[in-house]
C-alpha atoms as a PDB file:
ATOM      1  CA  MET A   1      67.454 173.692  99.366  1.00  0.00           C
ATOM      2  CA  ARG A   2      65.435 170.858 100.792  1.00  0.00           C
ATOM      3  CA  ASN A   3      66.078 169.593 104.314  1.00  0.00           C
ATOM      4  CA  TRP A   4      68.708 167.018 103.309  1.00  0.00           C
ATOM      5  CA  THR A   5      70.735 164.873 105.680  1.00  0.00           C
ATOM      6  CA  LEU A   6      73.497 162.413 104.916  1.00  0.00           C
ATOM      7  CA  GLU A   7      72.302 158.837 105.395  1.00  0.00           C
ATOM      8  CA  ASN A   8      74.085 155.538 105.795  1.00  0.00           C
ATOM      9  CA  LEU A   9      74.653 153.408 102.693  1.00  0.00           C
ATOM     10  CA  PRO A  10      72.998 151.648 100.992  1.00  0.00           C
ATOM     11  CA  LEU A  11      70.166 153.990 100.128  1.00  0.00           C
ATOM     12  CA  THR A  12      66.620 152.966  99.265  1.00  0.00           C
ATOM     13  CA  VAL A  13      66.925 154.570  95.837  1.00  0.00           C
ATOM     14  CA  ASP A  14      66.648 152.967  92.399  1.00  0.00           C
ATOM     15  CA  LEU A  15      70.178 153.452  91.078  1.00  0.00           C
ATOM     16  CA  GLU A  16      70.040 151.004  88.176  1.00  0.00           C
ATOM     17  CA  THR A  17      67.828 153.048  85.880  1.00  0.00           C
ATOM     18  CA  THR A  18      67.525 152.220  82.182  1.00  0.00           C
ATOM     19  CA  LYS A  19      69.918 155.018  81.198  1.00  0.00           C
ATOM     20  CA  VAL A  20      72.491 153.977  83.789  1.00  0.00           C
ATOM     21  CA  LEU A  21      72.351 150.309  82.773  1.00  0.00           C
ATOM     22  CA  LYS A  22      72.778 151.280  79.102  1.00  0.00           C
ATOM     23  CA  ALA A  23      75.852 153.370  79.932  1.00  0.00           C
ATOM     24  CA  LEU A  24      77.704 150.592  81.781  1.00  0.00           C
ATOM     25  CA  PRO A  25      78.754 148.139  79.010  1.00  0.00           C
ATOM     26  CA  THR A  26      80.886 150.620  77.030  1.00  0.00           C
ATOM     27  CA  ALA A  27      82.607 151.798  80.213  1.00  0.00           C
ATOM     28  CA  HIS A  28      83.361 148.214  81.237  1.00  0.00           C
ATOM     29  CA  ALA A  29      84.630 147.394  77.747  1.00  0.00           C
ATOM     30  CA  ALA A  30      87.046 150.325  77.884  1.00  0.00           C
ATOM     31  CA  LEU A  31      88.226 149.288  81.362  1.00  0.00           C
ATOM     32  CA  ALA A  32      88.809 145.720  80.189  1.00  0.00           C
ATOM     33  CA  GLU A  33      90.786 146.923  77.162  1.00  0.00           C
ATOM     34  CA  LEU A  34      92.879 149.177  79.392  1.00  0.00           C
ATOM     35  CA  LYS A  35      93.563 146.342  81.832  1.00  0.00           C
ATOM     36  CA  GLY A  36      94.685 144.201  78.918  1.00  0.00           C
ATOM     37  CA  ILE A  37      97.055 146.737  77.372  1.00  0.00           C
ATOM     38  CA  VAL A  38      98.654 147.444  80.756  1.00  0.00           C
ATOM     39  CA  SER A  39      99.411 143.730  81.148  1.00  0.00           C
ATOM     40  CA  THR A  40     101.547 143.913  77.985  1.00  0.00           C
ATOM     41  CA  ILE A  41     103.978 146.346  79.649  1.00  0.00           C
ATOM     42  CA  PRO A  42     106.705 144.226  81.324  1.00  0.00           C
ATOM     43  CA  ASN A  43     107.622 146.926  83.850  1.00  0.00           C
ATOM     44  CA  GLN A  44     104.345 148.443  85.029  1.00  0.00           C
ATOM     45  CA  ASN A  45     106.163 150.782  87.425  1.00  0.00           C
ATOM     46  CA  ILE A  46     106.863 152.927  84.367  1.00  0.00           C
ATOM     47  CA  LEU A  47     103.144 153.614  83.995  1.00  0.00           C
ATOM     48  CA  ILE A  48     102.508 153.897  87.725  1.00  0.00           C
ATOM     49  CA  ASN A  49     105.180 156.585  87.974  1.00  0.00           C
ATOM     50  CA  THR A  50     104.621 158.583  84.780  1.00  0.00           C
ATOM     51  CA  LEU A  51     100.805 158.476  84.818  1.00  0.00           C
ATOM     52  CA  GLY A  52     100.767 158.844  88.597  1.00  0.00           C
ATOM     53  CA  LEU A  53     102.732 162.077  88.315  1.00  0.00           C
ATOM     54  CA  GLN A  54     100.243 163.363  85.727  1.00  0.00           C
ATOM     55  CA  GLU A  55      97.350 162.443  88.027  1.00  0.00           C
ATOM     56  CA  ALA A  56      99.033 164.121  90.976  1.00  0.00           C
ATOM     57  CA  LYS A  57      99.298 167.331  88.973  1.00  0.00           C
ATOM     58  CA  ASP A  58      95.695 167.182  87.703  1.00  0.00           C
ATOM     59  CA  SER A  59      94.115 166.218  91.024  1.00  0.00           C
ATOM     60  CA  SER A  60      95.994 168.969  92.833  1.00  0.00           C
ATOM     61  CA  ALA A  61      94.971 171.494  90.172  1.00  0.00           C
ATOM     62  CA  ILE A  62      91.292 170.839  90.978  1.00  0.00           C
ATOM     63  CA  GLU A  63      92.080 172.178  94.472  1.00  0.00           C
ATOM     64  CA  ASN A  64      93.925 175.174  92.941  1.00  0.00           C
ATOM     65  CA  ILE A  65      97.355 173.758  93.789  1.00  0.00           C
ATOM     66  CA  ILE A  66      98.976 174.694  90.520  1.00  0.00           C
ATOM     67  CA  THR A  67     102.361 173.559  89.301  1.00  0.00           C
ATOM     68  CA  THR A  68     103.961 173.214  85.877  1.00  0.00           C
ATOM     69  CA  HIS A  69     105.119 169.891  84.473  1.00  0.00           C
ATOM     70  CA  ASP A  70     108.644 171.275  84.517  1.00  0.00           C
ATOM     71  CA  ASP A  71     108.458 172.083  88.243  1.00  0.00           C
ATOM     72  CA  LEU A  72     106.806 168.741  88.989  1.00  0.00           C
ATOM     73  CA  TYR A  73     109.500 166.702  87.280  1.00  0.00           C
ATOM     74  CA  LYS A  74     112.248 168.850  88.785  1.00  0.00           C
ATOM     75  CA  SER A  75     110.842 168.272  92.254  1.00  0.00           C
ATOM     76  CA  GLU A  76     111.078 164.509  91.689  1.00  0.00           C
ATOM     77  CA  LEU A  77     114.832 164.956  91.261  1.00  0.00           C
ATOM     78  CA  ASN A  78     115.192 166.263  94.846  1.00  0.00           C
ATOM     79  CA  LEU A  79     117.885 168.715  93.833  1.00  0.00           C
ATOM     80  CA  ASP A  80     118.805 171.174  96.596  1.00  0.00           C
ATOM     81  CA  ALA A  81     118.685 174.130  94.201  1.00  0.00           C
ATOM     82  CA  PHE A  82     114.979 173.597  93.429  1.00  0.00           C
ATOM     83  CA  LYS A  83     112.258 174.572  95.885  1.00  0.00           C
ATOM     84  CA  SER A  84     108.550 174.741  95.071  1.00  0.00           C
ATOM     85  CA  LEU A  85     105.825 174.451  97.683  1.00  0.00           C
ATOM     86  CA  ALA A  86     103.170 173.574  95.086  1.00  0.00           C
ATOM     87  CA  ALA A  87     105.374 170.900  93.516  1.00  0.00           C
ATOM     88  CA  LYS A  88     106.097 169.488  96.973  1.00  0.00           C
ATOM     89  CA  GLU A  89     102.348 169.162  97.623  1.00  0.00           C
ATOM     90  CA  VAL A  90     101.929 167.398  94.293  1.00  0.00           C
ATOM     91  CA  GLN A  91     104.785 165.054  95.186  1.00  0.00           C
ATOM     92  CA  ASN A  92     102.955 164.280  98.441  1.00  0.00           C
ATOM     93  CA  TYR A  93     100.002 163.217  96.316  1.00  0.00           C
ATOM     94  CA  ILE A  94     102.001 160.671  94.313  1.00  0.00           C
ATOM     95  CA  SER A  95     103.445 159.379  97.594  1.00  0.00           C
ATOM     96  CA  ALA A  96      99.928 159.038  99.050  1.00  0.00           C
ATOM     97  CA  LEU A  97      98.708 157.260  95.921  1.00  0.00           C
ATOM     98  CA  LYS A  98     101.561 154.744  96.025  1.00  0.00           C
ATOM     99  CA  LYS A  99     101.145 154.243  99.778  1.00  0.00           C
ATOM    100  CA  GLY A 100      97.437 153.506  99.357  1.00  0.00           C
ATOM    101  CA  PHE A 101      98.164 151.021  96.560  1.00  0.00           C
ATOM    102  CA  GLU A 102     100.808 149.217  98.634  1.00  0.00           C
ATOM    103  CA  LEU A 103      98.494 148.941 101.640  1.00  0.00           C
ATOM    104  CA  LEU A 104      95.579 147.756  99.485  1.00  0.00           C
ATOM    105  CA  LYS A 105      97.757 144.987  97.997  1.00  0.00           C
ATOM    106  CA  THR A 106      98.846 143.955 101.487  1.00  0.00           C
ATOM    107  CA  ASP A 107      95.449 144.070 103.215  1.00  0.00           C
ATOM    108  CA  GLY A 108      93.142 143.086 100.355  1.00  0.00           C
ATOM    109  CA  LEU A 109      90.671 145.639 101.742  1.00  0.00           C
ATOM    110  CA  LEU A 110      90.145 149.385 101.427  1.00  0.00           C
ATOM    111  CA  THR A 111      89.758 150.352 105.065  1.00  0.00           C
ATOM    112  CA  ASN A 112      89.545 153.590 107.022  1.00  0.00           C
ATOM    113  CA  LYS A 113      93.047 152.824 108.284  1.00  0.00           C
ATOM    114  CA  ILE A 114      94.288 153.035 104.687  1.00  0.00           C
ATOM    115  CA  ILE A 115      92.197 156.140 103.954  1.00  0.00           C
ATOM    116  CA  LEU A 116      93.660 157.848 107.043  1.00  0.00           C
ATOM    117  CA  LYS A 117      97.179 156.885 105.945  1.00  0.00           C
ATOM    118  CA  ILE A 118      96.528 158.313 102.458  1.00  0.00           C
ATOM    119  CA  GLN A 119      95.391 161.630 103.925  1.00  0.00           C
ATOM    120  CA  GLU A 120      98.260 161.670 106.413  1.00  0.00           C
ATOM    121  CA  THR A 121     100.786 161.223 103.591  1.00  0.00           C
ATOM    122  CA  LEU A 122      98.981 163.759 101.436  1.00  0.00           C
ATOM    123  CA  GLU A 123      98.859 166.501 104.058  1.00  0.00           C
ATOM    124  CA  ASP A 124     102.027 165.512 105.931  1.00  0.00           C
ATOM    125  CA  ASN A 125     100.181 165.479 109.273  1.00  0.00           C
ATOM    126  CA  ASN A 126      98.176 163.072 111.421  1.00  0.00           C
ATOM    127  CA  ALA A 127      95.200 165.290 112.238  1.00  0.00           C
ATOM    128  CA  GLY A 128      92.809 162.435 111.393  1.00  0.00           C
ATOM    129  CA  PHE A 129      89.053 162.916 111.160  1.00  0.00           C
ATOM    130  CA  ARG A 130      87.687 166.382 111.932  1.00  0.00           C
ATOM    131  CA  LYS A 131      87.097 167.010 115.647  1.00  0.00           C
ATOM    132  CA  ILE A 132      86.422 170.767 115.580  1.00  0.00           C
ATOM    133  CA  PRO A 133      83.157 172.031 114.020  1.00  0.00           C
ATOM    134  CA  GLY A 134      83.025 174.891 111.562  1.00  0.00           C
ATOM    135  CA  THR A 135      83.821 173.270 108.217  1.00  0.00           C
ATOM    136  CA  THR A 136      81.607 174.432 105.343  1.00  0.00           C
ATOM    137  CA  LEU A 137      81.832 174.169 101.569  1.00  0.00           C
ATOM    138  CA  LYS A 138      81.505 177.494  99.782  1.00  0.00           C
ATOM    139  CA  ASN A 139      80.974 178.754  96.271  1.00  0.00           C
ATOM    140  CA  ALA A 140      84.464 179.847  95.182  1.00  0.00           C
ATOM    141  CA  ALA A 141      83.106 182.832  93.266  1.00  0.00           C
ATOM    142  CA  THR A 142      80.510 184.196  95.719  1.00  0.00           C
ATOM    143  CA  GLY A 143      81.657 182.861  99.097  1.00  0.00           C
ATOM    144  CA  GLU A 144      78.122 181.540  99.692  1.00  0.00           C
ATOM    145  CA  VAL A 145      77.888 178.397 101.828  1.00  0.00           C
ATOM    146  CA  ILE A 146      76.479 175.693  99.554  1.00  0.00           C
ATOM    147  CA  TYR A 147      76.855 172.686 101.837  1.00  0.00           C
ATOM    148  CA  THR A 148      77.603 171.995 105.485  1.00  0.00           C
ATOM    149  CA  PRO A 149      79.019 168.500 106.062  1.00  0.00           C
ATOM    150  CA  PRO A 150      78.572 166.622 109.358  1.00  0.00           C
ATOM    151  CA  GLN A 151      80.139 168.592 112.202  1.00  0.00           C
ATOM    152  CA  ASP A 152      80.147 166.120 115.088  1.00  0.00           C
ATOM    153  CA  TYR A 153      83.219 163.881 115.387  1.00  0.00           C
ATOM    154  CA  ASP A 154      81.191 160.860 116.506  1.00  0.00           C
ATOM    155  CA  GLU A 155      78.864 161.247 113.527  1.00  0.00           C
ATOM    156  CA  ILE A 156      81.824 161.480 111.136  1.00  0.00           C
ATOM    157  CA  VAL A 157      83.332 158.300 112.613  1.00  0.00           C
ATOM    158  CA  LYS A 158      79.969 156.533 112.382  1.00  0.00           C
ATOM    159  CA  LEU A 159      79.454 157.526 108.737  1.00  0.00           C
ATOM    160  CA  MET A 160      83.027 156.544 107.812  1.00  0.00           C
ATOM    161  CA  SER A 161      82.575 153.185 109.522  1.00  0.00           C
ATOM    162  CA  ASN A 162      79.434 152.616 107.453  1.00  0.00           C
ATOM    163  CA  LEU A 163      81.293 153.674 104.287  1.00  0.00           C
ATOM    164  CA  GLU A 164      84.118 151.243 105.078  1.00  0.00           C
ATOM    165  CA  LYS A 165      81.614 148.380 105.292  1.00  0.00           C
ATOM    166  CA  TYR A 166      79.912 149.498 102.081  1.00  0.00           C
ATOM    167  CA  ILE A 167      83.244 149.541 100.222  1.00  0.00           C
ATOM    168  CA  ASN A 168      84.408 146.116 101.355  1.00  0.00           C
ATOM    169  CA  ASP A 169      81.230 144.033 101.751  1.00  0.00           C
ATOM    170  CA  ALA A 170      79.739 143.159  98.360  1.00  0.00           C
ATOM    171  CA  GLU A 171      76.594 141.767  99.983  1.00  0.00           C
ATOM    172  CA  ILE A 172      75.527 145.134 101.407  1.00  0.00           C
ATOM    173  CA  GLN A 173      74.387 146.270  97.963  1.00  0.00           C
ATOM    174  CA  ASP A 174      74.315 144.075  94.890  1.00  0.00           C
ATOM    175  CA  CYS A 175      74.956 146.504  92.044  1.00  0.00           C
ATOM    176  CA  ASP A 176      77.547 147.246  89.393  1.00  0.00           C
ATOM    177  CA  PRO A 177      80.932 148.333  90.844  1.00  0.00           C
ATOM    178  CA  LEU A 178      80.960 151.500  88.731  1.00  0.00           C
ATOM    179  CA  ILE A 179      77.675 152.531  90.338  1.00  0.00           C
ATOM    180  CA  LYS A 180      79.171 151.751  93.737  1.00  0.00           C
ATOM    181  CA  MET A 181      82.306 153.755  92.914  1.00  0.00           C
ATOM    182  CA  ALA A 182      80.146 156.796  92.143  1.00  0.00           C
ATOM    183  CA  MET A 183      78.170 156.254  95.353  1.00  0.00           C
ATOM    184  CA  ILE A 184      81.348 155.896  97.412  1.00  0.00           C
ATOM    185  CA  HIS A 185      82.800 159.058  95.920  1.00  0.00           C
ATOM    186  CA  PHE A 186      79.640 161.044  96.607  1.00  0.00           C
ATOM    187  CA  GLN A 187      79.420 159.735 100.166  1.00  0.00           C
ATOM    188  CA  PHE A 188      83.064 160.395 100.998  1.00  0.00           C
ATOM    189  CA  GLU A 189      83.004 163.942  99.599  1.00  0.00           C
ATOM    190  CA  SER A 190      79.758 164.635 101.465  1.00  0.00           C
ATOM    191  CA  ILE A 191      81.100 163.311 104.771  1.00  0.00           C
ATOM    192  CA  HIS A 192      84.164 165.485 104.093  1.00  0.00           C
ATOM    193  CA  PRO A 193      85.920 163.783 107.036  1.00  0.00           C
ATOM    194  CA  PHE A 194      89.212 165.710 106.989  1.00  0.00           C
ATOM    195  CA  TYR A 195      90.176 169.315 107.556  1.00  0.00           C
ATOM    196  CA  ASP A 196      91.974 169.283 104.200  1.00  0.00           C
ATOM    197  CA  GLY A 197      92.720 166.917 101.344  1.00  0.00           C
ATOM    198  CA  ASN A 198      89.208 165.479 100.981  1.00  0.00           C
ATOM    199  CA  GLY A 199      88.983 165.924  97.213  1.00  0.00           C
ATOM    200  CA  ARG A 200      92.393 164.447  96.511  1.00  0.00           C
ATOM    201  CA  THR A 201      91.880 161.574  98.950  1.00  0.00           C
ATOM    202  CA  GLY A 202      88.491 160.860  97.381  1.00  0.00           C
ATOM    203  CA  ARG A 203      90.011 160.650  93.904  1.00  0.00           C
ATOM    204  CA  ILE A 204      92.657 158.206  95.133  1.00  0.00           C
ATOM    205  CA  ILE A 205      89.858 156.100  96.661  1.00  0.00           C
ATOM    206  CA  ASN A 206      88.229 155.923  93.185  1.00  0.00           C
ATOM    207  CA  ILE A 207      91.123 154.093  91.536  1.00  0.00           C
ATOM    208  CA  LEU A 208      91.839 151.934  94.589  1.00  0.00           C
ATOM    209  CA  TYR A 209      88.220 150.773  94.576  1.00  0.00           C
ATOM    210  CA  LEU A 210      88.468 149.771  90.907  1.00  0.00           C
ATOM    211  CA  ILE A 211      91.552 147.726  91.823  1.00  0.00           C
ATOM    212  CA  LEU A 212      89.757 146.215  94.825  1.00  0.00           C
ATOM    213  CA  GLU A 213      86.976 145.098  92.472  1.00  0.00           C
ATOM    214  CA  GLY A 214      89.458 143.603  89.989  1.00  0.00           C
ATOM    215  CA  LEU A 215      88.569 146.068  87.219  1.00  0.00           C
ATOM    216  CA  GLN A 216      92.199 147.220  87.133  1.00  0.00           C
ATOM    217  CA  ASN A 217      95.421 145.743  88.488  1.00  0.00           C
ATOM    218  CA  VAL A 218      97.509 148.889  88.940  1.00  0.00           C
ATOM    219  CA  PRO A 219      96.654 152.542  89.654  1.00  0.00           C
ATOM    220  CA  ILE A 220      96.668 154.143  86.225  1.00  0.00           C
ATOM    221  CA  LEU A 221      93.048 155.160  85.543  1.00  0.00           C
ATOM    222  CA  TYR A 222      92.522 158.632  86.962  1.00  0.00           C
ATOM    223  CA  LEU A 223      89.408 160.783  86.661  1.00  0.00           C
ATOM    224  CA  SER A 224      91.015 164.099  87.610  1.00  0.00           C
ATOM    225  CA  ASN A 225      91.644 165.296  84.058  1.00  0.00           C
ATOM    226  CA  TYR A 226      88.006 164.538  83.188  1.00  0.00           C
ATOM    227  CA  ILE A 227      86.847 166.412  86.295  1.00  0.00           C
ATOM    228  CA  ILE A 228      89.020 169.421  85.411  1.00  0.00           C
ATOM    229  CA  LYS A 229      87.419 169.580  81.973  1.00  0.00           C
ATOM    230  CA  HIS A 230      83.916 169.327  83.509  1.00  0.00           C
ATOM    231  CA  LYS A 231      84.563 170.949  86.871  1.00  0.00           C
ATOM    232  CA  ALA A 232      81.366 173.007  86.940  1.00  0.00           C
ATOM    233  CA  ASP A 233      79.248 169.937  86.133  1.00  0.00           C
ATOM    234  CA  TYR A 234      81.071 167.871  88.756  1.00  0.00           C
ATOM    235  CA  TYR A 235      80.226 170.261  91.591  1.00  0.00           C
ATOM    236  CA  ARG A 236      76.758 171.030  90.203  1.00  0.00           C
ATOM    237  CA  LEU A 237      75.796 167.360  90.066  1.00  0.00           C
ATOM    238  CA  LEU A 238      77.135 166.639  93.538  1.00  0.00           C
ATOM    239  CA  GLN A 239      74.942 169.418  94.813  1.00  0.00           C
ATOM    240  CA  LYS A 240      71.892 168.337  92.780  1.00  0.00           C
ATOM    241  CA  VAL A 241      71.958 164.999  94.592  1.00  0.00           C
ATOM    242  CA  ARG A 242      71.927 166.837  97.929  1.00  0.00           C
ATOM    243  CA  GLU A 243      69.257 169.317  96.946  1.00  0.00           C
ATOM    244  CA  GLU A 244      66.992 167.251  94.682  1.00  0.00           C
ATOM    245  CA  ASN A 245      68.014 163.617  95.236  1.00  0.00           C
ATOM    246  CA  LEU A 246      68.847 163.376  91.504  1.00  0.00           C
ATOM    247  CA  TRP A 247      71.171 160.390  91.363  1.00  0.00           C
ATOM    248  CA  GLU A 248      70.854 159.361  87.722  1.00  0.00           C
ATOM    249  CA  GLU A 249      72.688 162.348  86.235  1.00  0.00           C
ATOM    250  CA  TRP A 250      75.510 162.009  88.787  1.00  0.00           C
ATOM    251  CA  LEU A 251      75.924 158.302  88.073  1.00  0.00           C
ATOM    252  CA  LEU A 252      75.927 158.890  84.305  1.00  0.00           C
ATOM    253  CA  PHE A 253      78.541 161.622  84.720  1.00  0.00           C
ATOM    254  CA  MET A 254      80.890 159.330  86.653  1.00  0.00           C
ATOM    255  CA  ILE A 255      80.356 156.312  84.372  1.00  0.00           C
ATOM    256  CA  LYS A 256      81.043 158.470  81.302  1.00  0.00           C
ATOM    257  CA  GLY A 257      84.158 159.756  83.046  1.00  0.00           C
ATOM    258  CA  VAL A 258      85.447 156.213  83.488  1.00  0.00           C
ATOM    259  CA  GLU A 259      84.763 155.397  79.834  1.00  0.00           C
ATOM    260  CA  ILE A 260      86.391 158.528  78.422  1.00  0.00           C
ATOM    261  CA  THR A 261      89.379 158.336  80.758  1.00  0.00           C
ATOM    262  CA  ALA A 262      89.974 154.651  80.015  1.00  0.00           C
ATOM    263  CA  LYS A 263      89.960 155.339  76.257  1.00  0.00           C
ATOM    264  CA  GLU A 264      92.320 158.309  76.627  1.00  0.00           C
ATOM    265  CA  THR A 265      94.649 156.243  78.807  1.00  0.00           C
ATOM    266  CA  ILE A 266      94.654 153.395  76.271  1.00  0.00           C
ATOM    267  CA  GLU A 267      95.725 155.859  73.578  1.00  0.00           C
ATOM    268  CA  LEU A 268      98.415 157.385  75.806  1.00  0.00           C
ATOM    269  CA  ILE A 269      99.850 153.999  76.792  1.00  0.00           C
ATOM    270  CA  GLY A 270      99.892 152.968  73.134  1.00  0.00           C
ATOM    271  CA  ASN A 271     101.892 156.095  72.333  1.00  0.00           C
ATOM    272  CA  ILE A 272     104.278 155.449  75.223  1.00  0.00           C
ATOM    273  CA  LYS A 273     104.801 151.857  74.045  1.00  0.00           C
ATOM    274  CA  ALA A 274     105.531 153.039  70.492  1.00  0.00           C
ATOM    275  CA  LEU A 275     107.990 155.637  71.749  1.00  0.00           C
ATOM    276  CA  MET A 276     109.705 153.076  73.994  1.00  0.00           C
ATOM    277  CA  LEU A 277     110.105 150.735  71.031  1.00  0.00           C
ATOM    278  CA  GLU A 278     111.604 153.556  68.955  1.00  0.00           C
ATOM    279  CA  TYR A 279     114.077 154.354  71.746  1.00  0.00           C
ATOM    280  CA  LYS A 280     114.851 150.671  72.262  1.00  0.00           C
ATOM    281  CA  HIS A 281     115.950 150.254  68.630  1.00  0.00           C
ATOM    282  CA  LYS A 282     117.860 153.526  68.732  1.00  0.00           C
ATOM    283  CA  LEU A 283     119.736 152.632  71.911  1.00  0.00           C
ATOM    284  CA  ARG A 284     120.297 148.955  71.152  1.00  0.00           C
ATOM    285  CA  ASP A 285     121.628 149.640  67.660  1.00  0.00           C
ATOM    286  CA  ASN A 286     123.987 152.452  68.634  1.00  0.00           C
ATOM    287  CA  TYR A 287     125.172 151.999  72.225  1.00  0.00           C
ATOM    288  CA  LYS A 288     127.033 149.067  73.733  1.00  0.00           C
ATOM    289  CA  PHE A 289     125.739 150.099  77.173  1.00  0.00           C
ATOM    290  CA  TYR A 290     122.086 149.586  76.155  1.00  0.00           C
ATOM    291  CA  SER A 291     119.990 147.601  78.638  1.00  0.00           C
ATOM    292  CA  GLN A 292     116.302 147.187  79.353  1.00  0.00           C
ATOM    293  CA  ASP A 293     116.905 148.752  82.773  1.00  0.00           C
ATOM    294  CA  LEU A 294     118.335 151.850  81.101  1.00  0.00           C
ATOM    295  CA  LEU A 295     115.327 152.106  78.793  1.00  0.00           C
ATOM    296  CA  ASN A 296     112.967 151.655  81.728  1.00  0.00           C
ATOM    297  CA  ASN A 297     114.744 154.427  83.639  1.00  0.00           C
ATOM    298  CA  LEU A 298     114.383 156.894  80.791  1.00  0.00           C
ATOM    299  CA  PHE A 299     110.628 156.252  80.653  1.00  0.00           C
ATOM    300  CA  ALA A 300     109.896 156.010  84.377  1.00  0.00           C
ATOM    301  CA  HIS A 301     111.451 159.460  84.913  1.00  0.00           C
ATOM    302  CA  PRO A 302     110.797 162.151  82.262  1.00  0.00           C
ATOM    303  CA  TYR A 303     113.642 163.984  84.046  1.00  0.00           C
ATOM    304  CA  THR A 304     116.377 161.643  85.215  1.00  0.00           C
ATOM    305  CA  LYS A 305     119.722 162.098  86.951  1.00  0.00           C
ATOM    306  CA  ILE A 306     122.917 160.192  87.696  1.00  0.00           C
ATOM    307  CA  GLU A 307     121.648 158.906  91.054  1.00  0.00           C
ATOM    308  CA  PHE A 308     118.563 157.373  89.419  1.00  0.00           C
ATOM    309  CA  LEU A 309     120.772 155.382  87.042  1.00  0.00           C
ATOM    310  CA  VAL A 310     123.077 154.313  89.868  1.00  0.00           C
ATOM    311  CA  ASP A 311     120.068 152.927  91.751  1.00  0.00           C
ATOM    312  CA  ASP A 312     118.254 151.382  88.779  1.00  0.00           C
ATOM    313  CA  LEU A 313     121.236 149.926  86.902  1.00  0.00           C
ATOM    314  CA  GLY A 314     123.583 149.178  89.803  1.00  0.00           C
ATOM    315  CA  VAL A 315     126.472 151.055  88.146  1.00  0.00           C
ATOM    316  CA  SER A 316     128.953 153.569  89.531  1.00  0.00           C
ATOM    317  CA  ARG A 317     128.351 157.322  89.433  1.00  0.00           C
ATOM    318  CA  LEU A 318     131.089 157.731  86.838  1.00  0.00           C
ATOM    319  CA  THR A 319     129.556 155.067  84.596  1.00  0.00           C
ATOM    320  CA  ALA A 320     126.054 156.510  84.976  1.00  0.00           C
ATOM    321  CA  ALA A 321     127.365 160.004  84.172  1.00  0.00           C
ATOM    322  CA  ASN A 322     129.130 158.697  81.075  1.00  0.00           C
ATOM    323  CA  TYR A 323     125.951 157.012  79.835  1.00  0.00           C
ATOM    324  CA  LEU A 324     123.776 160.079  80.314  1.00  0.00           C
ATOM    325  CA  ASN A 325     126.319 162.530  78.933  1.00  0.00           C
ATOM    326  CA  LYS A 326     126.785 160.426  75.795  1.00  0.00           C
ATOM    327  CA  LEU A 327     123.003 160.278  75.254  1.00  0.00           C
ATOM    328  CA  ALA A 328     122.803 164.056  75.741  1.00  0.00           C
ATOM    329  CA  GLU A 329     125.712 164.618  73.357  1.00  0.00           C
ATOM    330  CA  ASP A 330     123.850 162.595  70.707  1.00  0.00           C
ATOM    331  CA  LYS A 331     120.570 164.486  71.325  1.00  0.00           C
ATOM    332  CA  ILE A 332     118.769 161.420  72.696  1.00  0.00           C
ATOM    333  CA  LEU A 333     118.312 163.378  75.933  1.00  0.00           C
ATOM    334  CA  ARG A 334     118.653 167.060  76.772  1.00  0.00           C
ATOM    335  CA  LYS A 335     121.081 167.968  79.522  1.00  0.00           C
ATOM    336  CA  ASP A 336     120.208 170.875  81.821  1.00  0.00           C
ATOM    337  CA  LYS A 337     121.829 172.282  84.937  1.00  0.00           C
ATOM    338  CA  LEU A 338     120.165 173.246  88.211  1.00  0.00           C
ATOM    339  CA  GLY A 339     122.435 174.658  90.888  1.00  0.00           C
ATOM    340  CA  THR A 340     125.465 172.390  91.014  1.00  0.00           C
ATOM    341  CA  GLY A 341     123.577 169.342  89.677  1.00  0.00           C
ATOM    342  CA  ASN A 342     122.773 168.111  86.179  1.00  0.00           C
ATOM    343  CA  TYR A 343     119.574 166.462  85.029  1.00  0.00           C
ATOM    344  CA  TYR A 344     118.570 164.887  81.736  1.00  0.00           C
ATOM    345  CA  ILE A 345     115.235 165.260  79.950  1.00  0.00           C
ATOM    346  CA  ASN A 346     113.500 162.718  77.741  1.00  0.00           C
ATOM    347  CA  GLU A 347     111.931 165.445  75.603  1.00  0.00           C
ATOM    348  CA  ALA A 348     109.816 163.128  73.456  1.00  0.00           C
ATOM    349  CA  LEU A 349     108.219 161.571  76.565  1.00  0.00           C
ATOM    350  CA  PHE A 350     107.770 165.012  78.136  1.00  0.00           C
ATOM    351  CA  GLU A 351     105.852 166.212  75.068  1.00  0.00           C
ATOM    352  CA  LEU A 352     103.705 163.072  75.073  1.00  0.00           C
ATOM    353  CA  LEU A 353     102.735 163.519  78.728  1.00  0.00           C
ATOM    354  CA  THR A 354     102.074 167.257  78.531  1.00  0.00           C
ATOM    355  CA  LYS A 355     100.088 167.648  75.320  1.00  0.00           C
ATOM    356  CA  ARG A 356      96.766 166.541  76.859  1.00  0.00           C
END
C-alpha cells in the first residue's frame, strides 16, 4: 500500500473523465423521472415511511445488523410483547433518517451539527467525534487491518469542518452533484469520525445531499440495496482509491448505483400506486367507512394497529377496532395476535416490499 494520507477537499484530481461524463446523463434522467413520479403521490409520507423502513433494514444489514421484515414491522408497532435488539437498531435508523431530513428542511444546509444529530439518534448516545485513538478498519474474513483512519481528535474535527464546507459551498468545486456525492461519501467513510455508525450515517448523508442539491425532494432513493448486492466491489473500490488513487472506477460505481436504484424505485412506486388504486376501489365500493386517511394508513404501515387508526383518522378505539376487524373478516387484511395486542397486516403490500 502506498503512503496515502487523507487530504482536504477538493482534490487536484481530474474527476470528470470521459467515462464519468458519459455515465451521468442516464443517472440524471432516472433521478428526474423518480422525482416526477413521487410528486404524483398526494401523501408522500407513505413513501418516506415504507421505503425508509426498507432502507433501514438494508443499510443495517450491510453492518451485519440482521432483522427480518416481520420483526421490523412488528417493532414499529411498539407492542410490549415484542422485543428485538436488531429491530430496535433498525428502528433507530429510520428515526435518524427522518431527523436528518427534518433538520435539512429547517436549516437548508447539511452541517456537522445535523450529521452529529443523525449519529446520536442512530446510536442512541452523544459520544460525538472520536476522541480516543485505536480505531482501525479490518478485513472481516482475515482480521487484517486494511485501513487506519485519522486518530487525532483535532484532525478529525478539521477534516469534518472541511467536508462541511465542501458539501454546502458549491463554489469550492464546480462539478456534477453526483460526482460530489461520491466524493463526499468516500471522504466521510475515510474520516470515519464516529466510534460506530459511520456506514449508516454516510448512507443517510447520500440521500440528504441529493435533496440539498434539488435532485430529489424527499428521502426515498437509497443505495443500500445496491451496495448489498455489490458489497465486495464497494469495499474494494474504496480501498483502491486509497491505495492507487483510482477515482474513476469508484465514481462510475456510485453513479451506476444511483441510476439502477432510481429505476428500481420508480418501478416499486408504480407498483405501490397500482396496489393503492386497487385497494381504493375495493374499499370505496364496499365500505361506508372508506376514507383517504384510512387508505393512507394501510399503506404507510404494512403492519397497522388500532392506535395508528385512532391517531390518523381521529376516531375512537372502538370505531378503529371495528374498521380493522371488518377488513380482516373480509380478508382485506390479516389479523394476528402478539401478547395481548392485535395487529393487522396488509399482505399485498408486505409481499411487494419484500420480494426485492
